[in-house]
Amino acid sequence: MILDIVAEAAAELTAAGKIITVAGGGDTVAALNAAGAAGRLTYVSTAGGAFLEWLEGKPFRARQKTSNSAE
């Protein structure tokens, strides 16, 4: 399967110090686990959409609510 090939290539490049790998989302993590590559990436998150929004630089909603309630 193509995902296995891509996941393995990413894991190998990460291990060689050539790239930093970041993956997020439950389905993505499940696929990486099935390919045997999740444990060899730089960072893996199961946060899904919230994680992707954080990567985009958008405020993290749960953090905002915590910060706002302290005021």
PDB file of N, CA and C in Angstrom:
ATOM      1  N   MET A   1       0.842  -1.179   0.000  1.00  0.00           N
ATOM      2  CA  MET A   1       0.000   0.000   0.000  1.00  0.00           C
ATOM      3  C   MET A   1       0.886   1.240   0.000  1.00  0.00           C
ATOM      4  N   ILE A   2       0.437   2.278  -0.689  1.00  0.00           N
ATOM      5  CA  ILE A   2       1.227   3.501  -0.833  1.00  0.00           C
ATOM      6  C   ILE A   2       1.488   4.174   0.510  1.00  0.00           C
ATOM      7  N   LEU A   3       0.488   4.151   1.419  1.00  0.00           N
ATOM      8  CA  LEU A   3       0.690   4.772   2.723  1.00  0.00           C
ATOM      9  C   LEU A   3       1.838   4.116   3.474  1.00  0.00           C
ATOM     10  N   ASP A   4       1.938   2.799   3.409  1.00  0.00           N
ATOM     11  CA  ASP A   4       3.033   2.093   4.080  1.00  0.00           C
ATOM     12  C   ASP A   4       4.382   2.551   3.539  1.00  0.00           C
ATOM     13  N   ILE A   5       4.464   2.727   2.241  1.00  0.00           N
ATOM     14  CA  ILE A   5       5.719   3.153   1.615  1.00  0.00           C
ATOM     15  C   ILE A   5       6.080   4.567   2.057  1.00  0.00           C
ATOM     16  N   VAL A   6       5.104   5.453   2.045  1.00  0.00           N
ATOM     17  CA  VAL A   6       5.342   6.842   2.448  1.00  0.00           C
ATOM     18  C   VAL A   6       5.688   6.917   3.934  1.00  0.00           C
ATOM     19  N   ALA A   7       4.949   6.190   4.762  1.00  0.00           N
ATOM     20  CA  ALA A   7       5.211   6.193   6.201  1.00  0.00           C
ATOM     21  C   ALA A   7       6.605   5.663   6.502  1.00  0.00           C
ATOM     22  N   GLU A   8       7.000   4.598   5.832  1.00  0.00           N
ATOM     23  CA  GLU A   8       8.328   4.028   6.047  1.00  0.00           C
ATOM     24  C   GLU A   8       9.414   4.999   5.607  1.00  0.00           C
ATOM     25  N   ALA A   9       9.213   5.651   4.470  1.00  0.00           N
ATOM     26  CA  ALA A   9      10.198   6.630   3.986  1.00  0.00           C
ATOM     27  C   ALA A   9      10.329   7.791   4.970  1.00  0.00           C
ATOM     28  N   ALA A  10       9.201   8.278   5.483  1.00  0.00           N
ATOM     29  CA  ALA A  10       9.230   9.369   6.459  1.00  0.00           C
ATOM     30  C   ALA A  10       9.950   8.932   7.732  1.00  0.00           C
ATOM     31  N   ALA A  11       9.676   7.722   8.194  1.00  0.00           N
ATOM     32  CA  ALA A  11      10.327   7.209   9.399  1.00  0.00           C
ATOM     33  C   ALA A  11      11.838   7.080   9.195  1.00  0.00           C
ATOM     34  N   GLU A  12      12.253   6.598   8.040  1.00  0.00           N
ATOM     35  CA  GLU A  12      13.684   6.449   7.757  1.00  0.00           C
ATOM     36  C   GLU A  12      14.387   7.808   7.679  1.00  0.00           C
ATOM     37  N   LEU A  13      13.754   8.776   7.019  1.00  0.00           N
ATOM     38  CA  LEU A  13      14.339  10.111   6.921  1.00  0.00           C
ATOM     39  C   LEU A  13      14.412  10.783   8.289  1.00  0.00           C
ATOM     40  N   THR A  14      13.407  10.536   9.128  1.00  0.00           N
ATOM     41  CA  THR A  14      13.417  11.072  10.488  1.00  0.00           C
ATOM     42  C   THR A  14      14.560  10.469  11.281  1.00  0.00           C
ATOM     43  N   ALA A  15      14.705   9.157  11.196  1.00  0.00           N
ATOM     44  CA  ALA A  15      15.775   8.469  11.922  1.00  0.00           C
ATOM     45  C   ALA A  15      17.152   8.947  11.476  1.00  0.00           C
ATOM     46  N   ALA A  16      17.272   9.298  10.206  1.00  0.00           N
ATOM     47  CA  ALA A  16      18.545   9.775   9.670  1.00  0.00           C
ATOM     48  C   ALA A  16      18.792  11.245  10.002  1.00  0.00           C
ATOM     49  N   GLY A  17      17.822  11.903  10.638  1.00  0.00           N
ATOM     50  CA  GLY A  17      17.972  13.298  11.004  1.00  0.00           C
ATOM     51  C   GLY A  17      17.803  14.261   9.838  1.00  0.00           C
ATOM     52  N   LYS A  18      17.200  13.791   8.764  1.00  0.00           N
ATOM     53  CA  LYS A  18      17.040  14.627   7.575  1.00  0.00           C
ATOM     54  C   LYS A  18      15.766  15.443   7.577  1.00  0.00           C
ATOM     55  N   ILE A  19      14.754  14.985   8.300  1.00  0.00           N
ATOM     56  CA  ILE A  19      13.492  15.721   8.376  1.00  0.00           C
ATOM     57  C   ILE A  19      12.924  15.622   9.794  1.00  0.00           C
ATOM     58  N   ILE A  20      12.014  16.527  10.092  1.00  0.00           N
ATOM     59  CA  ILE A  20      11.227  16.474  11.323  1.00  0.00           C
ATOM     60  C   ILE A  20       9.814  16.127  10.874  1.00  0.00           C
ATOM     61  N   THR A  21       9.235  15.109  11.467  1.00  0.00           N
ATOM     62  CA  THR A  21       7.913  14.656  11.059  1.00  0.00           C
ATOM     63  C   THR A  21       6.891  14.940  12.143  1.00  0.00           C
ATOM     64  N   VAL A  22       5.745  15.462  11.716  1.00  0.00           N
ATOM     65  CA  VAL A  22       4.641  15.777  12.612  1.00  0.00           C
ATOM     66  C   VAL A  22       3.373  15.208  11.979  1.00  0.00           C
ATOM     67  N   ALA A  23       2.632  14.434  12.744  1.00  0.00           N
ATOM     68  CA  ALA A  23       1.396  13.841  12.241  1.00  0.00           C
ATOM     69  C   ALA A  23       0.313  13.990  13.292  1.00  0.00           C
ATOM     70  N   GLY A  24      -0.921  14.162  12.853  1.00  0.00           N
ATOM     71  CA  GLY A  24      -2.002  14.313  13.810  1.00  0.00           C
ATOM     72  C   GLY A  24      -3.317  13.783  13.295  1.00  0.00           C
ATOM     73  N   GLY A  25      -4.161  13.401  14.228  1.00  0.00           N
ATOM     74  CA  GLY A  25      -5.493  12.904  13.900  1.00  0.00           C
ATOM     75  C   GLY A  25      -5.596  11.423  14.134  1.00  0.00           C
ATOM     76  N   GLY A  26      -6.717  11.010  14.650  1.00  0.00           N
ATOM     77  CA  GLY A  26      -6.919   9.601  14.995  1.00  0.00           C
ATOM     78  C   GLY A  26      -6.748   8.646  13.835  1.00  0.00           C
ATOM     79  N   ASP A  27      -7.328   8.969  12.676  1.00  0.00           N
ATOM     80  CA  ASP A  27      -7.200   8.088  11.511  1.00  0.00           C
ATOM     81  C   ASP A  27      -5.768   8.028  11.014  1.00  0.00           C
ATOM     82  N   THR A  28      -5.085   9.179  11.040  1.00  0.00           N
ATOM     83  CA  THR A  28      -3.685   9.220  10.608  1.00  0.00           C
ATOM     84  C   THR A  28      -2.823   8.368  11.531  1.00  0.00           C
ATOM     85  N   VAL A  29      -3.032   8.507  12.825  1.00  0.00           N
ATOM     86  CA  VAL A  29      -2.249   7.735  13.796  1.00  0.00           C
ATOM     87  C   VAL A  29      -2.526   6.244  13.633  1.00  0.00           C
ATOM     88  N   ALA A  30      -3.786   5.881  13.407  1.00  0.00           N
ATOM     89  CA  ALA A  30      -4.125   4.472  13.196  1.00  0.00           C
ATOM     90  C   ALA A  30      -3.401   3.926  11.964  1.00  0.00           C
ATOM     91  N   ALA A  31      -3.371   4.702  10.899  1.00  0.00           N
ATOM     92  CA  ALA A  31      -2.679   4.269   9.683  1.00  0.00           C
ATOM     93  C   ALA A  31      -1.175   4.154   9.905  1.00  0.00           C
ATOM     94  N   LEU A  32      -0.607   5.108  10.631  1.00  0.00           N
ATOM     95  CA  LEU A  32       0.835   5.048  10.926  1.00  0.00           C
ATOM     96  C   LEU A  32       1.153   3.842  11.815  1.00  0.00           C
ATOM     97  N   ASN A  33       0.281   3.555  12.778  1.00  0.00           N
ATOM     98  CA  ASN A  33       0.469   2.370  13.623  1.00  0.00           C
ATOM     99  C   ASN A  33       0.408   1.101  12.786  1.00  0.00           C
ATOM    100  N   ALA A  34      -0.561   1.035  11.879  1.00  0.00           N
ATOM    101  CA  ALA A  34      -0.695  -0.147  11.023  1.00  0.00           C
ATOM    102  C   ALA A  34       0.540  -0.330  10.141  1.00  0.00           C
ATOM    103  N   ALA A  35       1.149   0.781   9.746  1.00  0.00           N
ATOM    104  CA  ALA A  35       2.355   0.717   8.916  1.00  0.00           C
ATOM    105  C   ALA A  35       3.609   0.479   9.755  1.00  0.00           C
ATOM    106  N   GLY A  36       3.470   0.538  11.087  1.00  0.00           N
ATOM    107  CA  GLY A  36       4.618   0.337  11.969  1.00  0.00           C
ATOM    108  C   GLY A  36       5.562   1.523  12.020  1.00  0.00           C
ATOM    109  N   ALA A  37       5.052   2.723  11.713  1.00  0.00           N
ATOM    110  CA  ALA A  37       5.926   3.885  11.630  1.00  0.00           C
ATOM    111  C   ALA A  37       5.662   4.947  12.697  1.00  0.00           C
ATOM    112  N   ALA A  38       4.544   4.891  13.387  1.00  0.00           N
ATOM    113  CA  ALA A  38       4.170   5.966  14.321  1.00  0.00           C
ATOM    114  C   ALA A  38       5.239   6.229  15.374  1.00  0.00           C
ATOM    115  N   GLY A  39       5.818   5.196  15.901  1.00  0.00           N
ATOM    116  CA  GLY A  39       6.824   5.348  16.955  1.00  0.00           C
ATOM    117  C   GLY A  39       8.155   5.888  16.480  1.00  0.00           C
ATOM    118  N   ARG A  40       8.304   6.027  15.185  1.00  0.00           N
ATOM    119  CA  ARG A  40       9.581   6.509  14.642  1.00  0.00           C
ATOM    120  C   ARG A  40       9.485   7.915  14.059  1.00  0.00           C
ATOM    121  N   LEU A  41       8.354   8.572  14.265  1.00  0.00           N
ATOM    122  CA  LEU A  41       8.215   9.947  13.811  1.00  0.00           C
ATOM    123  C   LEU A  41       8.571  10.896  14.953  1.00  0.00           C
ATOM    124  N   THR A  42       8.811  12.156  14.617  1.00  0.00           N
ATOM    125  CA  THR A  42       9.210  13.126  15.630  1.00  0.00           C
ATOM    126  C   THR A  42       8.099  13.397  16.628  1.00  0.00           C
ATOM    127  N   TYR A  43       6.894  13.658  16.130  1.00  0.00           N
ATOM    128  CA  TYR A  43       5.769  13.976  17.008  1.00  0.00           C
ATOM    129  C   TYR A  43       4.486  13.451  16.396  1.00  0.00           C
ATOM    130  N   VAL A  44       3.700  12.762  17.203  1.00  0.00           N
ATOM    131  CA  VAL A  44       2.415  12.232  16.753  1.00  0.00           C
ATOM    132  C   VAL A  44       1.358  12.648  17.780  1.00  0.00           C
ATOM    133  N   SER A  45       0.272  13.242  17.289  1.00  0.00           N
ATOM    134  CA  SER A  45      -0.815  13.692  18.156  1.00  0.00           C
ATOM    135  C   SER A  45      -2.124  13.042  17.722  1.00  0.00           C
ATOM    136  N   THR A  46      -2.960  12.709  18.691  1.00  0.00           N
ATOM    137  CA  THR A  46      -4.281  12.169  18.370  1.00  0.00           C
ATOM    138  C   THR A  46      -5.351  13.245  18.451  1.00  0.00           C
ATOM    139  N   ALA A  47      -4.952  14.499  18.532  1.00  0.00           N
ATOM    140  CA  ALA A  47      -5.900  15.598  18.724  1.00  0.00           C
ATOM    141  C   ALA A  47      -6.724  15.936  17.490  1.00  0.00           C
ATOM    142  N   GLY A  48      -6.352  15.464  16.337  1.00  0.00           N
ATOM    143  CA  GLY A  48      -7.150  15.684  15.130  1.00  0.00           C
ATOM    144  C   GLY A  48      -7.250  17.129  14.715  1.00  0.00           C
ATOM    145  N   GLY A  49      -8.492  17.590  14.512  1.00  0.00           N
ATOM    146  CA  GLY A  49      -8.726  18.934  14.008  1.00  0.00           C
ATOM    147  C   GLY A  49      -8.137  20.020  14.887  1.00  0.00           C
ATOM    148  N   ALA A  50      -8.213  19.875  16.188  1.00  0.00           N
ATOM    149  CA  ALA A  50      -7.639  20.875  17.093  1.00  0.00           C
ATOM    150  C   ALA A  50      -6.133  20.972  16.897  1.00  0.00           C
ATOM    151  N   PHE A  51      -5.493  19.854  16.701  1.00  0.00           N
ATOM    152  CA  PHE A  51      -4.047  19.830  16.471  1.00  0.00           C
ATOM    153  C   PHE A  51      -3.709  20.547  15.174  1.00  0.00           C
ATOM    154  N   LEU A  52      -4.468  20.284  14.114  1.00  0.00           N
ATOM    155  CA  LEU A  52      -4.206  20.930  12.829  1.00  0.00           C
ATOM    156  C   LEU A  52      -4.417  22.433  12.915  1.00  0.00           C
ATOM    157  N   GLU A  53      -5.454  22.856  13.634  1.00  0.00           N
ATOM    158  CA  GLU A  53      -5.677  24.284  13.820  1.00  0.00           C
ATOM    159  C   GLU A  53      -4.532  24.921  14.591  1.00  0.00           C
ATOM    160  N   TRP A  54      -4.024  24.239  15.600  1.00  0.00           N
ATOM    161  CA  TRP A  54      -2.888  24.740  16.372  1.00  0.00           C
ATOM    162  C   TRP A  54      -1.660  24.902  15.470  1.00  0.00           C
ATOM    163  N   LEU A  55      -1.422  23.924  14.594  1.00  0.00           N
ATOM    164  CA  LEU A  55      -0.299  24.028  13.662  1.00  0.00           C
ATOM    165  C   LEU A  55      -0.451  25.231  12.730  1.00  0.00           C
ATOM    166  N   GLU A  56      -1.692  25.561  12.401  1.00  0.00           N
ATOM    167  CA  GLU A  56      -1.957  26.706  11.534  1.00  0.00           C
ATOM    168  C   GLU A  56      -1.782  28.031  12.265  1.00  0.00           C
ATOM    169  N   GLY A  57      -1.595  27.976  13.574  1.00  0.00           N
ATOM    170  CA  GLY A  57      -1.416  29.193  14.352  1.00  0.00           C
ATOM    171  C   GLY A  57      -2.696  29.735  14.958  1.00  0.00           C
ATOM    172  N   LYS A  58      -3.775  28.988  14.832  1.00  0.00           N
ATOM    173  CA  LYS A  58      -5.043  29.421  15.422  1.00  0.00           C
ATOM    174  C   LYS A  58      -5.014  29.170  16.930  1.00  0.00           C
ATOM    175  N   PRO A  59      -5.747  29.965  17.696  1.00  0.00           N
ATOM    176  CA  PRO A  59      -5.777  29.764  19.150  1.00  0.00           C
ATOM    177  C   PRO A  59      -6.352  28.391  19.511  1.00  0.00           C
ATOM    178  N   PHE A  60      -5.807  27.801  20.531  1.00  0.00           N
ATOM    179  CA  PHE A  60      -6.281  26.516  21.025  1.00  0.00           C
ATOM    180  C   PHE A  60      -7.476  26.790  21.940  1.00  0.00           C
ATOM    181  N   ARG A  61      -8.676  26.361  21.515  1.00  0.00           N
ATOM    182  CA  ARG A  61      -9.918  26.735  22.205  1.00  0.00           C
ATOM    183  C   ARG A  61      -9.933  26.367  23.685  1.00  0.00           C
ATOM    184  N   ALA A  62      -9.498  25.182  24.035  1.00  0.00           N
ATOM    185  CA  ALA A  62      -9.515  24.772  25.446  1.00  0.00           C
ATOM    186  C   ALA A  62      -8.602  25.683  26.256  1.00  0.00           C
ATOM    187  N   ARG A  63      -7.487  26.053  25.703  1.00  0.00           N
ATOM    188  CA  ARG A  63      -6.543  26.947  26.381  1.00  0.00           C
ATOM    189  C   ARG A  63      -7.160  28.331  26.540  1.00  0.00           C
ATOM    190  N   GLN A  64      -7.867  28.790  25.513  1.00  0.00           N
ATOM    191  CA  GLN A  64      -8.532  30.091  25.581  1.00  0.00           C
ATOM    192  C   GLN A  64      -9.557  30.115  26.713  1.00  0.00           C
ATOM    193  N   LYS A  65     -10.350  29.044  26.812  1.00  0.00           N
ATOM    194  CA  LYS A  65     -11.377  29.004  27.857  1.00  0.00           C
ATOM    195  C   LYS A  65     -10.743  29.022  29.237  1.00  0.00           C
ATOM    196  N   THR A  66      -9.634  28.310  29.406  1.00  0.00           N
ATOM    197  CA  THR A  66      -8.929  28.299  30.694  1.00  0.00           C
ATOM    198  C   THR A  66      -8.389  29.684  31.013  1.00  0.00           C
ATOM    199  N   SER A  67      -7.793  30.322  30.023  1.00  0.00           N
ATOM    200  CA  SER A  67      -7.237  31.663  30.224  1.00  0.00           C
ATOM    201  C   SER A  67      -8.326  32.681  30.545  1.00  0.00           C
ATOM    202  N   ASN A  68      -9.455  32.600  29.815  1.00  0.00           N
ATOM    203  CA  ASN A  68     -10.550  33.540  30.027  1.00  0.00           C
ATOM    204  C   ASN A  68     -11.214  33.355  31.389  1.00  0.00           C
ATOM    205  N   SER A  69     -11.314  32.130  31.866  1.00  0.00           N
ATOM    206  CA  SER A  69     -11.981  31.882  33.140  1.00  0.00           C
ATOM    207  C   SER A  69     -11.121  32.353  34.317  1.00  0.00           C
ATOM    208  N   ALA A  70      -9.828  32.536  34.106  1.00  0.00           N
ATOM    209  CA  ALA A  70      -8.938  32.994  35.181  1.00  0.00           C
ATOM    210  C   ALA A  70      -9.013  34.501  35.366  1.00  0.00           C
ATOM    211  N   GLU A  71      -9.640  35.187  34.408  1.00  0.00           N
ATOM    212  CA  GLU A  71      -9.704  36.654  34.484  1.00  0.00           C
ATOM    213  C   GLU A  71     -10.780  37.128  35.413  1.00  0.00           C
TER     214      GLU A  71
END
